[in-house]
Amino acid sequence: MNRTLPNGALIIAIDFDAGVVLAQSENDYVTWSFYNQDLSSTASGHYFGNSDADQAEARADYVERCKRGY
């Protein structure tokens, strides 16, 4: 699997069943939902800064979004 999304963000974690990805964009950590296993359909982003604390917050958000399924 390519380690980057079509928008260039680096994939950190991905859950195809839930349709959620945690990625690092140029300036932020972000969680996105995506549809029908199409990584070019990222939407509904939750953006965080780029510090270690922001990464931890983004990871927690990723886990919660995976539990909800979006």
Protein backbone atom coordinates (compact mmCIF):
# COMPACT_ATOMS: atom_id res chain seq x y z
CA MET A 1 0.00 0.00 0.00
CA ASN A 2 1.16 3.50 -0.77
CA ARG A 3 1.97 5.31 2.48
CA THR A 4 0.51 8.61 1.28
CA LEU A 5 -3.00 9.75 0.50
CA PRO A 6 -3.85 11.22 -2.90
CA ASN A 7 -3.65 14.68 -1.27
CA GLY A 8 -0.03 13.99 -0.27
CA ALA A 9 -0.58 13.47 3.47
CA LEU A 10 1.46 10.69 5.10
CA ILE A 11 -0.70 7.83 6.41
CA ILE A 12 0.00 7.02 10.07
CA ALA A 13 -2.92 4.63 10.70
CA ILE A 14 -5.89 3.50 8.66
CA ASP A 15 -9.04 1.50 9.34
CA PHE A 16 -10.72 0.48 6.08
CA ASP A 17 -13.70 -1.06 7.89
CA ALA A 18 -14.49 2.15 9.78
CA GLY A 19 -13.43 4.39 6.88
CA VAL A 20 -11.07 6.48 9.00
CA VAL A 21 -7.48 7.53 8.45
CA LEU A 22 -4.95 9.30 10.67
CA ALA A 23 -2.42 11.22 8.63
CA GLN A 24 0.20 13.92 8.84
CA SER A 25 -0.23 16.74 6.37
CA GLU A 26 2.39 19.40 5.77
CA ASN A 27 1.48 21.34 8.93
CA ASP A 28 -0.97 19.24 10.93
CA TYR A 29 -2.04 15.86 12.15
CA VAL A 30 -5.51 15.11 10.85
CA THR A 31 -8.17 12.43 10.98
CA TRP A 32 -10.41 12.06 7.95
CA SER A 33 -13.29 9.81 7.09
CA PHE A 34 -13.40 8.29 3.62
CA TYR A 35 -16.09 6.45 1.70
CA ASN A 36 -16.28 3.08 -0.08
CA GLN A 37 -12.58 2.43 0.62
CA ASP A 38 -11.72 5.29 -1.75
CA LEU A 39 -8.83 7.23 -0.20
CA SER A 40 -9.38 10.11 -2.62
CA SER A 41 -12.76 10.73 -0.97
CA THR A 42 -11.41 12.07 2.34
CA ALA A 43 -13.89 14.36 4.09
CA SER A 44 -14.99 15.49 7.53
CA GLY A 45 -11.48 16.26 8.77
CA HIS A 46 -10.51 16.93 12.36
CA TYR A 47 -7.31 18.98 12.32
CA PHE A 48 -4.68 19.20 15.06
CA GLY A 49 -1.37 21.02 15.28
CA ASN A 50 2.03 19.46 14.73
CA SER A 51 3.39 19.00 18.27
CA ASP A 52 3.76 15.70 20.13
CA ALA A 53 0.71 16.63 22.24
CA ASP A 54 -1.27 17.31 19.06
CA GLN A 55 -0.26 13.94 17.67
CA ALA A 56 -1.47 12.23 20.86
CA GLU A 57 -4.79 14.10 20.62
CA ALA A 58 -5.14 13.14 16.95
CA ARG A 59 -4.46 9.48 17.78
CA ALA A 60 -7.16 9.54 20.47
CA ASP A 61 -9.57 11.14 17.99
CA TYR A 62 -8.70 8.45 15.43
CA VAL A 63 -9.50 5.68 17.94
CA GLU A 64 -12.84 7.27 18.84
CA ARG A 65 -13.79 7.79 15.18
CA CYS A 66 -12.93 4.16 14.43
CA LYS A 67 -15.23 3.04 17.25
CA ARG A 68 -18.08 5.14 15.79
CA GLY A 69 -17.33 4.08 12.25
CA TYR A 70 -16.64 7.51 10.69
